[in-house]
């Protein structure tokens, strides 16, 4: 067996061991929480509002649209961070092309942010 094949096999053995031990650990934690956990149901917990509070308004009231806008904006900028980390770690491999694509991406993102500020999407009032 060549050295390359041994290294290749070692990677998969390490991966399989990691999956095995994480599975065993998660099952152990689940079992211990079931066995050792305190189970004390009462009328409040068993009601349809499990937070313990009585409903004080109708559940069918409308939400403010700004809540959804802020959530969508958070997702957009959170995805930007998800794309920046792999790009930064592979910059030596992608070279000038990867750098140029990232700059174009950030320019579009900046234009979108300026549009949001102009439209007042970030205003809380």
N, C-alpha and C. Protein backbone atom coordinates (compact mmCIF):
# COMPACT_ATOMS: atom_id res chain seq x y z
N UNK A 1 0.85 -1.18 0.00
CA UNK A 1 0.00 0.00 0.00
C UNK A 1 0.89 1.24 0.00
N UNK A 2 0.59 2.19 -0.87
CA UNK A 2 1.43 3.38 -0.97
C UNK A 2 1.11 4.36 0.16
N UNK A 3 1.98 5.35 0.28
CA UNK A 3 1.82 6.35 1.34
C UNK A 3 0.56 7.18 1.10
N UNK A 4 0.29 7.52 -0.16
CA UNK A 4 -0.90 8.31 -0.49
C UNK A 4 -2.18 7.56 -0.11
N UNK A 5 -2.21 6.27 -0.37
CA UNK A 5 -3.39 5.47 -0.03
C UNK A 5 -3.56 5.37 1.48
N UNK A 6 -2.45 5.26 2.20
CA UNK A 6 -2.52 5.20 3.66
C UNK A 6 -3.05 6.51 4.23
N UNK A 7 -2.58 7.65 3.71
CA UNK A 7 -3.07 8.94 4.19
C UNK A 7 -4.55 9.12 3.85
N UNK A 8 -4.92 8.67 2.66
CA UNK A 8 -6.32 8.76 2.23
C UNK A 8 -7.21 7.92 3.15
N UNK A 9 -6.75 6.71 3.47
CA UNK A 9 -7.51 5.83 4.35
C UNK A 9 -7.56 6.39 5.77
N UNK A 10 -6.48 7.00 6.22
CA UNK A 10 -6.42 7.56 7.57
C UNK A 10 -7.44 8.69 7.73
N UNK A 11 -7.65 9.47 6.69
CA UNK A 11 -8.63 10.56 6.75
C UNK A 11 -10.04 9.99 6.97
N UNK A 12 -10.36 8.92 6.25
CA UNK A 12 -11.69 8.34 6.39
C UNK A 12 -11.87 7.62 7.73
N UNK A 13 -10.81 7.04 8.23
CA UNK A 13 -10.89 6.41 9.55
C UNK A 13 -11.13 7.47 10.61
N UNK A 14 -10.46 8.60 10.50
CA UNK A 14 -10.66 9.70 11.44
C UNK A 14 -12.09 10.23 11.35
N UNK A 15 -12.61 10.38 10.14
CA UNK A 15 -13.98 10.85 9.95
C UNK A 15 -14.98 9.86 10.54
N UNK A 16 -14.79 8.60 10.29
CA UNK A 16 -15.70 7.57 10.83
C UNK A 16 -15.65 7.54 12.35
N UNK A 17 -14.45 7.67 12.92
CA UNK A 17 -14.33 7.70 14.38
C UNK A 17 -15.03 8.91 14.97
N UNK A 18 -14.91 10.05 14.32
CA UNK A 18 -15.58 11.27 14.79
C UNK A 18 -17.09 11.11 14.76
N UNK A 19 -17.60 10.57 13.69
CA UNK A 19 -19.05 10.36 13.57
C UNK A 19 -19.51 9.35 14.62
N UNK A 20 -18.75 8.29 14.82
CA UNK A 20 -19.12 7.28 15.80
C UNK A 20 -19.16 7.86 17.21
N UNK A 21 -18.11 8.55 17.62
CA UNK A 21 -18.06 9.09 18.98
C UNK A 21 -19.08 10.20 19.19
N UNK A 22 -19.33 11.03 18.20
CA UNK A 22 -20.36 12.07 18.36
C UNK A 22 -21.75 11.45 18.47
N UNK A 23 -21.99 10.37 17.74
CA UNK A 23 -23.28 9.67 17.84
C UNK A 23 -23.45 9.05 19.23
N UNK A 24 -22.42 8.40 19.72
CA UNK A 24 -22.48 7.80 21.06
C UNK A 24 -22.68 8.88 22.11
N UNK A 25 -21.97 9.98 22.01
CA UNK A 25 -22.11 11.07 22.98
C UNK A 25 -23.51 11.67 22.96
N UNK A 26 -24.07 11.88 21.78
CA UNK A 26 -25.41 12.47 21.70
C UNK A 26 -26.46 11.50 22.26
N UNK A 27 -26.32 10.20 22.00
CA UNK A 27 -27.26 9.23 22.57
C UNK A 27 -27.12 9.16 24.10
N UNK A 28 -25.90 9.24 24.58
CA UNK A 28 -25.67 9.23 26.03
C UNK A 28 -26.30 10.45 26.70
N UNK A 29 -26.12 11.61 26.11
CA UNK A 29 -26.71 12.83 26.67
C UNK A 29 -28.23 12.76 26.63
N UNK A 30 -28.80 12.27 25.55
CA UNK A 30 -30.25 12.13 25.45
C UNK A 30 -30.77 11.15 26.50
N UNK A 31 -30.09 10.03 26.68
CA UNK A 31 -30.50 9.04 27.67
C UNK A 31 -30.42 9.61 29.08
N UNK A 32 -29.32 10.29 29.41
CA UNK A 32 -29.16 10.85 30.75
C UNK A 32 -30.18 11.94 31.04
N UNK A 33 -30.49 12.76 30.05
CA UNK A 33 -31.50 13.80 30.28
C UNK A 33 -32.88 13.20 30.48
N UNK A 34 -33.16 12.08 29.83
CA UNK A 34 -34.44 11.41 30.01
C UNK A 34 -34.52 10.76 31.39
N UNK A 35 -33.46 10.13 31.81
CA UNK A 35 -33.46 9.40 33.08
C UNK A 35 -33.36 10.36 34.28
N UNK A 36 -32.46 11.34 34.19
CA UNK A 36 -32.20 12.21 35.33
C UNK A 36 -33.03 13.49 35.35
N UNK A 37 -33.72 13.78 34.27
CA UNK A 37 -34.48 15.01 34.18
C UNK A 37 -35.69 15.02 35.11
N UNK A 38 -36.04 16.20 35.58
CA UNK A 38 -37.19 16.34 36.47
C UNK A 38 -38.44 16.50 35.62
N UNK A 39 -39.42 15.65 35.87
CA UNK A 39 -40.67 15.69 35.13
C UNK A 39 -41.78 16.00 36.11
N UNK A 40 -42.20 17.27 36.13
CA UNK A 40 -43.23 17.71 37.08
C UNK A 40 -44.32 18.47 36.33
N UNK A 41 -45.21 17.76 35.64
CA UNK A 41 -46.27 18.47 34.92
C UNK A 41 -47.31 19.04 35.89
N UNK A 42 -47.86 20.16 35.52
CA UNK A 42 -48.98 20.73 36.27
C UNK A 42 -49.98 21.32 35.28
N UNK A 43 -51.05 21.92 35.77
CA UNK A 43 -52.11 22.42 34.89
C UNK A 43 -51.61 23.54 33.98
N UNK A 44 -50.74 24.40 34.50
CA UNK A 44 -50.24 25.51 33.69
C UNK A 44 -49.38 25.01 32.53
N UNK A 45 -48.51 24.06 32.82
CA UNK A 45 -47.63 23.54 31.77
C UNK A 45 -48.40 22.72 30.75
N UNK A 46 -49.46 22.08 31.18
CA UNK A 46 -50.23 21.24 30.28
C UNK A 46 -51.23 22.01 29.44
N UNK A 47 -51.40 23.30 29.73
CA UNK A 47 -52.35 24.10 28.97
C UNK A 47 -51.78 24.40 27.59
N UNK A 48 -52.61 24.99 26.73
CA UNK A 48 -52.17 25.26 25.36
C UNK A 48 -51.10 26.35 25.31
N UNK A 49 -51.01 27.19 26.33
CA UNK A 49 -49.98 28.22 26.40
C UNK A 49 -48.95 27.74 27.41
N UNK A 50 -47.93 27.05 26.94
CA UNK A 50 -46.99 26.41 27.84
C UNK A 50 -46.01 27.37 28.49
N UNK A 51 -46.06 28.66 28.13
CA UNK A 51 -45.19 29.61 28.79
C UNK A 51 -45.71 29.95 30.19
N UNK A 52 -46.95 29.60 30.51
CA UNK A 52 -47.48 29.84 31.85
C UNK A 52 -48.31 31.08 31.96
N UNK A 53 -48.35 31.90 30.93
CA UNK A 53 -49.13 33.14 30.98
C UNK A 53 -50.49 32.94 30.32
N UNK A 54 -51.48 33.58 30.86
CA UNK A 54 -52.79 33.56 30.23
C UNK A 54 -52.76 34.49 29.03
N UNK A 55 -53.44 34.14 27.97
CA UNK A 55 -53.45 35.04 26.80
C UNK A 55 -54.17 36.33 27.15
N UNK A 56 -53.57 37.45 26.76
CA UNK A 56 -54.18 38.74 27.07
C UNK A 56 -54.71 39.44 25.84
N UNK A 57 -54.41 38.91 24.65
CA UNK A 57 -54.94 39.46 23.40
C UNK A 57 -55.29 38.31 22.48
N UNK A 58 -55.95 38.65 21.41
CA UNK A 58 -56.28 37.65 20.40
C UNK A 58 -55.01 37.23 19.66
N UNK A 59 -54.84 35.96 19.44
CA UNK A 59 -53.64 35.45 18.77
C UNK A 59 -53.62 35.79 17.29
N UNK A 60 -54.73 36.28 16.76
CA UNK A 60 -54.80 36.58 15.33
C UNK A 60 -54.49 38.04 15.02
N UNK A 61 -53.96 38.78 15.99
CA UNK A 61 -53.58 40.16 15.72
C UNK A 61 -52.46 40.21 14.70
N UNK A 62 -52.42 41.29 13.96
CA UNK A 62 -51.39 41.45 12.94
C UNK A 62 -50.07 41.87 13.57
N UNK A 63 -48.98 41.36 12.99
CA UNK A 63 -47.65 41.79 13.40
C UNK A 63 -47.28 43.02 12.60
N UNK A 64 -46.40 43.80 13.19
CA UNK A 64 -45.90 44.96 12.47
C UNK A 64 -44.97 44.48 11.36
N UNK A 65 -45.09 45.09 10.20
CA UNK A 65 -44.30 44.68 9.03
C UNK A 65 -42.81 44.91 9.28
N UNK A 66 -42.47 45.88 10.11
CA UNK A 66 -41.06 46.16 10.37
C UNK A 66 -40.35 44.96 10.99
N UNK A 67 -41.07 44.15 11.73
CA UNK A 67 -40.48 42.95 12.31
C UNK A 67 -39.96 42.04 11.20
N UNK A 68 -40.74 41.84 10.18
CA UNK A 68 -40.34 40.97 9.07
C UNK A 68 -39.21 41.59 8.26
N UNK A 69 -39.24 42.90 8.08
CA UNK A 69 -38.19 43.57 7.32
C UNK A 69 -36.85 43.43 8.03
N UNK A 70 -36.84 43.63 9.34
CA UNK A 70 -35.60 43.48 10.09
C UNK A 70 -35.10 42.04 10.02
N UNK A 71 -36.01 41.07 10.08
CA UNK A 71 -35.60 39.66 9.99
C UNK A 71 -34.99 39.36 8.63
N UNK A 72 -35.58 39.87 7.56
CA UNK A 72 -35.05 39.63 6.21
C UNK A 72 -33.69 40.31 6.05
N UNK A 73 -33.56 41.53 6.58
CA UNK A 73 -32.28 42.23 6.48
C UNK A 73 -31.20 41.49 7.26
N UNK A 74 -31.57 40.94 8.41
CA UNK A 74 -30.60 40.16 9.18
C UNK A 74 -30.13 38.95 8.36
N UNK A 75 -31.06 38.28 7.70
CA UNK A 75 -30.67 37.11 6.89
C UNK A 75 -29.73 37.50 5.77
N UNK A 76 -30.00 38.62 5.13
CA UNK A 76 -29.14 39.05 4.02
C UNK A 76 -27.72 39.30 4.50
N UNK A 77 -27.57 40.05 5.60
CA UNK A 77 -26.23 40.38 6.06
C UNK A 77 -25.57 39.19 6.75
N UNK A 78 -26.36 38.29 7.28
CA UNK A 78 -25.79 37.07 7.86
C UNK A 78 -25.23 36.18 6.75
N UNK A 79 -25.91 36.10 5.63
CA UNK A 79 -25.41 35.32 4.50
C UNK A 79 -24.13 35.93 3.93
N UNK A 80 -24.02 37.24 4.01
CA UNK A 80 -22.80 37.88 3.54
C UNK A 80 -21.61 37.38 4.35
N UNK A 81 -21.77 37.28 5.66
CA UNK A 81 -20.69 36.80 6.51
C UNK A 81 -20.37 35.33 6.18
N UNK A 82 -21.39 34.55 5.88
CA UNK A 82 -21.18 33.14 5.53
C UNK A 82 -20.33 33.03 4.26
N UNK A 83 -20.49 33.96 3.34
CA UNK A 83 -19.71 33.91 2.10
C UNK A 83 -18.31 34.50 2.27
N UNK A 84 -18.13 35.41 3.22
CA UNK A 84 -16.82 36.05 3.36
C UNK A 84 -15.80 35.10 3.99
N UNK A 85 -16.18 34.28 4.96
CA UNK A 85 -15.22 33.40 5.62
C UNK A 85 -14.56 32.41 4.66
N UNK A 86 -15.32 31.67 3.83
CA UNK A 86 -14.63 30.76 2.89
C UNK A 86 -13.78 31.52 1.88
N UNK A 87 -14.26 32.67 1.47
CA UNK A 87 -13.48 33.46 0.51
C UNK A 87 -12.15 33.87 1.13
N UNK A 88 -12.16 34.31 2.37
CA UNK A 88 -10.92 34.74 3.02
C UNK A 88 -9.96 33.58 3.21
N UNK A 89 -10.48 32.40 3.47
CA UNK A 89 -9.59 31.27 3.70
C UNK A 89 -9.03 30.69 2.40
N UNK A 90 -9.66 30.95 1.27
CA UNK A 90 -9.17 30.43 -0.01
C UNK A 90 -8.62 31.52 -0.92
N UNK A 91 -8.31 32.67 -0.37
CA UNK A 91 -7.85 33.78 -1.20
C UNK A 91 -6.55 33.47 -1.92
N UNK A 92 -5.68 32.68 -1.30
CA UNK A 92 -4.42 32.35 -1.97
C UNK A 92 -4.65 31.48 -3.20
N UNK A 93 -5.74 30.68 -3.21
CA UNK A 93 -6.03 29.81 -4.35
C UNK A 93 -6.80 30.54 -5.45
N UNK A 94 -7.68 31.46 -5.07
CA UNK A 94 -8.52 32.12 -6.07
C UNK A 94 -7.82 33.27 -6.76
N UNK A 95 -6.87 33.90 -6.09
CA UNK A 95 -6.08 34.95 -6.70
C UNK A 95 -6.88 36.20 -7.00
N UNK A 96 -6.49 36.86 -8.10
CA UNK A 96 -7.10 38.15 -8.46
C UNK A 96 -8.54 37.98 -8.91
N UNK A 97 -8.88 36.85 -9.51
CA UNK A 97 -10.25 36.62 -9.95
C UNK A 97 -11.20 36.55 -8.76
N UNK A 98 -10.82 35.79 -7.76
CA UNK A 98 -11.64 35.69 -6.56
C UNK A 98 -11.75 37.02 -5.84
N UNK A 99 -10.66 37.77 -5.82
CA UNK A 99 -10.69 39.09 -5.18
C UNK A 99 -11.62 40.03 -5.92
N UNK A 100 -11.58 39.99 -7.24
CA UNK A 100 -12.46 40.85 -8.04
C UNK A 100 -13.93 40.49 -7.87
N UNK A 101 -14.23 39.21 -7.84
CA UNK A 101 -15.61 38.77 -7.64
C UNK A 101 -16.11 39.20 -6.27
N UNK A 102 -15.26 39.09 -5.25
CA UNK A 102 -15.64 39.51 -3.90
C UNK A 102 -15.91 41.01 -3.86
N UNK A 103 -15.10 41.79 -4.55
CA UNK A 103 -15.32 43.24 -4.56
C UNK A 103 -16.65 43.58 -5.24
N UNK A 104 -16.97 42.90 -6.33
CA UNK A 104 -18.25 43.12 -6.99
C UNK A 104 -19.40 42.75 -6.06
N UNK A 105 -19.27 41.62 -5.36
CA UNK A 105 -20.30 41.19 -4.41
C UNK A 105 -20.49 42.24 -3.32
N UNK A 106 -19.40 42.75 -2.77
CA UNK A 106 -19.51 43.75 -1.71
C UNK A 106 -20.06 45.07 -2.22
N UNK A 107 -19.79 45.41 -3.48
CA UNK A 107 -20.36 46.63 -4.05
C UNK A 107 -21.88 46.50 -4.16
N UNK A 108 -22.35 45.36 -4.66
CA UNK A 108 -23.80 45.14 -4.72
C UNK A 108 -24.43 45.15 -3.33
N UNK A 109 -23.75 44.55 -2.38
CA UNK A 109 -24.26 44.54 -1.01
C UNK A 109 -24.33 45.95 -0.43
N UNK A 110 -23.32 46.74 -0.71
CA UNK A 110 -23.29 48.12 -0.23
C UNK A 110 -24.40 48.94 -0.88
N UNK A 111 -24.66 48.72 -2.17
CA UNK A 111 -25.76 49.42 -2.85
C UNK A 111 -27.08 49.05 -2.21
N UNK A 112 -27.27 47.78 -1.89
CA UNK A 112 -28.49 47.34 -1.23
C UNK A 112 -28.65 47.96 0.15
N UNK A 113 -27.55 48.06 0.89
CA UNK A 113 -27.61 48.67 2.22
C UNK A 113 -27.95 50.16 2.13
N UNK A 114 -27.37 50.84 1.18
CA UNK A 114 -27.69 52.27 1.00
C UNK A 114 -29.15 52.44 0.61
N UNK A 115 -29.67 51.57 -0.23
CA UNK A 115 -31.09 51.61 -0.60
C UNK A 115 -31.98 51.41 0.63
N UNK A 116 -31.61 50.47 1.49
CA UNK A 116 -32.38 50.23 2.71
C UNK A 116 -32.37 51.44 3.62
N UNK A 117 -31.23 52.09 3.74
CA UNK A 117 -31.14 53.27 4.60
C UNK A 117 -31.98 54.40 4.01
N UNK A 118 -31.94 54.58 2.70
CA UNK A 118 -32.72 55.64 2.06
C UNK A 118 -34.21 55.38 2.22
N UNK A 119 -34.63 54.14 2.06
CA UNK A 119 -36.06 53.79 2.22
C UNK A 119 -36.51 53.82 3.66
N UNK A 120 -35.58 53.87 4.62
CA UNK A 120 -35.94 53.92 6.03
C UNK A 120 -36.30 52.58 6.62
N UNK A 121 -35.77 51.51 6.06
CA UNK A 121 -36.10 50.17 6.56
C UNK A 121 -35.49 49.91 7.92
N UNK A 122 -34.44 50.63 8.27
CA UNK A 122 -33.78 50.41 9.54
C UNK A 122 -34.28 51.34 10.64
N UNK A 123 -35.20 52.23 10.31
CA UNK A 123 -35.77 53.11 11.33
C UNK A 123 -36.73 52.34 12.21
N UNK A 124 -36.63 52.55 13.50
CA UNK A 124 -37.48 51.83 14.44
C UNK A 124 -38.77 52.57 14.71
N UNK A 125 -38.83 53.81 14.43
CA UNK A 125 -40.02 54.61 14.76
C UNK A 125 -41.20 54.27 13.94
